[in-house]
Amino acid sequence: MLEVTAQMFIQTVGNLVRANLTWMISDRAGEYRGRGKKYRGESAPAMASSFMKWLVDPRRNFLAAVHKKSMDKRLRKYGIRLDDMYDPMEDLDIKEALNRLPREIVDARNQRLKRAMDLSMKHEYLPEELQAVQTPFRSYLQDMFALVKKERAEREALGALPLYQRTIP
């Protein structure tokens, strides 16, 4: 029950911050002077950014630690990593990052996803000894994804055409 409550709290607060509801942080920064203007001390986006960093950091926020622990448990049950959850059909930058990765890494990703779908359909979990050796937060995609995003931003800033076709199928 605590895990569900923590997840709902984190999602709700994240949605409120993303929706630019600045009244949440106005008490901390001083009075609100209007949309797009500065608070006393720092700008609203900077405060929202620092608040979000605090909110999702498991070392500083208890609820984030609870959420990370529950995510770790759920990912281990099926033997997948957090980076496996990114959908290449939804984000073309992810698709490009996966295309740039070595074939062995992509094949291992596909095997993990197939195993997870198979276990899910059978309503089973990995055996405990296999769950113990899983590494759900070991990243293999984030470095390449950051590089692709950086290249795309640089090309857009220069006004060049995209490196890869950016159409959603």
Protein backbone atom coordinates (compact mmCIF):
# COMPACT_ATOMS: atom_id res chain seq x y z
CA MET A 1 0.00 0.00 0.00
CA LEU A 2 2.86 2.37 0.83
CA GLU A 3 4.47 1.76 -2.58
CA VAL A 4 1.24 2.63 -4.40
CA THR A 5 0.74 5.77 -2.33
CA ALA A 6 4.34 6.88 -2.92
CA GLN A 7 4.05 6.31 -6.66
CA MET A 8 0.77 8.21 -6.84
CA PHE A 9 2.28 11.10 -4.87
CA ILE A 10 5.35 11.28 -7.12
CA GLN A 11 3.23 11.14 -10.28
CA THR A 12 0.83 13.80 -8.99
CA VAL A 13 3.57 16.20 -7.94
CA GLY A 14 5.44 15.60 -11.18
CA ASN A 15 2.31 16.36 -13.19
CA LEU A 16 1.68 19.54 -11.23
CA VAL A 17 5.23 20.79 -11.73
CA ARG A 18 5.19 19.92 -15.41
CA ALA A 19 1.91 21.77 -15.85
CA ASN A 20 3.70 24.92 -14.65
CA LEU A 21 1.54 25.38 -11.58
CA THR A 22 3.85 27.83 -9.91
CA TRP A 23 1.71 28.23 -6.84
CA MET A 24 3.32 25.07 -5.43
CA ILE A 25 6.71 26.67 -5.17
CA SER A 26 5.66 30.25 -4.53
CA ASP A 27 5.70 29.78 -0.76
CA ARG A 28 9.34 28.72 -0.88
CA ALA A 29 10.53 31.51 -3.14
CA GLY A 30 8.46 34.45 -2.02
CA GLU A 31 5.57 36.18 -3.63
CA TYR A 32 4.33 35.40 -7.12
CA ARG A 33 4.48 38.35 -9.48
CA GLY A 34 2.86 36.94 -12.60
CA ARG A 35 3.36 34.24 -15.19
CA GLY A 36 6.82 34.30 -16.78
CA LYS A 37 8.23 36.85 -14.35
CA LYS A 38 10.78 36.25 -11.67
CA TYR A 39 10.28 35.19 -8.12
CA ARG A 40 12.29 36.78 -5.41
CA GLY A 41 15.74 35.21 -5.81
CA GLU A 42 15.42 32.80 -8.75
CA SER A 43 13.31 32.17 -11.81
CA ALA A 44 10.36 29.77 -11.78
CA PRO A 45 11.90 27.26 -14.24
CA ALA A 46 15.11 27.08 -12.20
CA MET A 47 13.14 26.49 -9.01
CA ALA A 48 10.95 23.88 -10.68
CA SER A 49 14.06 22.18 -12.00
CA SER A 50 15.73 22.08 -8.59
CA PHE A 51 12.47 20.87 -7.03
CA MET A 52 12.19 18.06 -9.61
CA LYS A 53 15.82 17.06 -9.01
CA TRP A 54 15.11 16.81 -5.30
CA LEU A 55 11.84 14.98 -5.93
CA VAL A 56 13.35 12.16 -8.02
CA ASP A 57 16.65 11.75 -6.13
CA PRO A 58 16.36 8.56 -4.02
CA ARG A 59 19.24 9.64 -1.76
CA ARG A 60 17.43 12.82 -0.72
CA ASN A 61 13.74 11.95 -0.93
CA PHE A 62 12.22 9.01 0.92
CA LEU A 63 9.34 8.61 -1.53
CA ALA A 64 11.73 8.46 -4.48
CA ALA A 65 13.70 5.76 -2.67
CA VAL A 66 10.50 3.76 -2.11
CA HIS A 67 9.58 4.17 -5.77
CA LYS A 68 13.04 3.07 -6.93
CA LYS A 69 12.91 0.02 -4.67
CA SER A 70 9.50 -1.02 -6.03
CA MET A 71 10.68 -0.47 -9.63
CA ASP A 72 13.77 -2.55 -8.89
CA LYS A 73 11.62 -5.38 -7.55
CA ARG A 74 9.22 -5.31 -10.52
CA LEU A 75 11.98 -5.16 -13.14
CA ARG A 76 13.86 -8.02 -11.49
CA LYS A 77 10.75 -10.21 -11.52
CA TYR A 78 10.77 -10.18 -15.31
CA GLY A 79 14.53 -9.81 -15.85
CA ILE A 80 14.47 -6.54 -17.75
CA ARG A 81 16.35 -3.27 -17.43
CA LEU A 82 14.93 0.21 -17.21
CA ASP A 83 16.40 1.11 -20.62
CA ASP A 84 14.45 -1.81 -22.14
CA MET A 85 11.23 0.07 -21.40
CA TYR A 86 11.94 2.78 -24.00
CA ASP A 87 9.83 2.29 -27.13
CA PRO A 88 11.68 2.93 -30.42
CA MET A 89 8.37 3.37 -32.25
CA GLU A 90 7.35 6.24 -29.99
CA ASP A 91 10.59 8.22 -30.00
CA LEU A 92 12.73 8.31 -33.13
CA ASP A 93 15.77 9.42 -31.12
CA ILE A 94 15.56 6.12 -29.21
CA LYS A 95 15.28 4.28 -32.51
CA GLU A 96 18.39 6.01 -33.82
CA ALA A 97 20.29 5.33 -30.58
CA LEU A 98 19.38 1.63 -30.80
CA ASN A 99 20.56 1.55 -34.42
CA ARG A 100 23.94 2.93 -33.35
CA LEU A 101 24.47 0.41 -30.54
CA PRO A 102 26.45 -2.79 -31.18
CA ARG A 103 24.39 -5.73 -32.44
CA GLU A 104 25.12 -7.85 -29.32
CA ILE A 105 23.58 -5.25 -27.01
CA VAL A 106 20.45 -4.91 -29.14
CA ASP A 107 20.10 -8.71 -29.36
CA ALA A 108 20.41 -9.01 -25.56
CA ARG A 109 17.72 -6.32 -25.21
CA ASN A 110 15.39 -8.18 -27.55
CA GLN A 111 15.96 -11.44 -25.65
CA ARG A 112 15.15 -9.76 -22.33
CA LEU A 113 11.96 -8.29 -23.78
CA LYS A 114 10.89 -11.64 -25.28
CA ARG A 115 11.55 -13.40 -21.97
CA ALA A 116 9.57 -10.74 -20.09
CA MET A 117 6.60 -11.05 -22.46
CA ASP A 118 6.70 -14.83 -22.20
CA LEU A 119 6.77 -14.74 -18.39
CA SER A 120 3.98 -12.19 -18.35
CA MET A 121 1.74 -14.29 -20.58
CA LYS A 122 2.36 -17.34 -18.42
CA HIS A 123 1.66 -15.31 -15.24
CA GLU A 124 5.03 -16.36 -13.83
CA TYR A 125 8.18 -14.64 -12.59
CA LEU A 126 11.87 -15.45 -12.93
CA PRO A 127 13.21 -17.90 -10.36
CA GLU A 128 14.61 -16.24 -7.24
CA GLU A 129 18.23 -17.17 -8.06
CA LEU A 130 17.95 -15.45 -11.46
CA GLN A 131 16.22 -12.42 -9.97
CA ALA A 132 19.19 -11.97 -7.63
CA VAL A 133 21.66 -11.53 -10.50
CA GLN A 134 19.58 -9.05 -12.52
CA THR A 135 20.81 -5.47 -12.90
CA PRO A 136 17.72 -3.39 -13.70
CA PHE A 137 19.35 0.02 -13.40
CA ARG A 138 22.52 -0.71 -15.41
CA SER A 139 22.22 1.62 -18.36
CA TYR A 140 23.30 0.74 -21.89
CA LEU A 141 21.24 3.24 -23.86
CA GLN A 142 21.48 6.57 -22.05
CA ASP A 143 24.92 7.62 -23.34
CA MET A 144 24.01 6.99 -26.97
CA PHE A 145 20.58 8.58 -26.48
CA ALA A 146 22.17 11.73 -25.04
CA LEU A 147 24.55 11.86 -28.00
CA VAL A 148 21.69 11.54 -30.51
CA LYS A 149 19.68 14.26 -28.74
CA LYS A 150 22.74 16.53 -28.68
CA GLU A 151 23.38 15.98 -32.39
CA ARG A 152 19.72 16.64 -33.23
CA ALA A 153 19.71 19.87 -31.19
CA GLU A 154 22.93 20.99 -32.86
CA ARG A 155 21.55 20.29 -36.35
CA GLU A 156 18.33 22.16 -35.53
CA ALA A 157 20.32 25.11 -34.22
CA LEU A 158 22.30 25.21 -37.47
CA GLY A 159 19.15 24.83 -39.56
CA ALA A 160 20.33 21.62 -41.24
CA LEU A 161 18.16 18.75 -42.34
CA PRO A 162 17.78 15.85 -39.91
CA LEU A 163 20.31 13.03 -40.11
CA TYR A 164 17.57 10.42 -40.21
CA GLN A 165 14.01 10.49 -41.43
CA ARG A 166 11.82 11.91 -38.67
CA THR A 167 8.39 10.59 -39.57
CA ILE A 168 6.13 8.66 -37.28
CA PRO A 169 4.86 5.49 -39.02
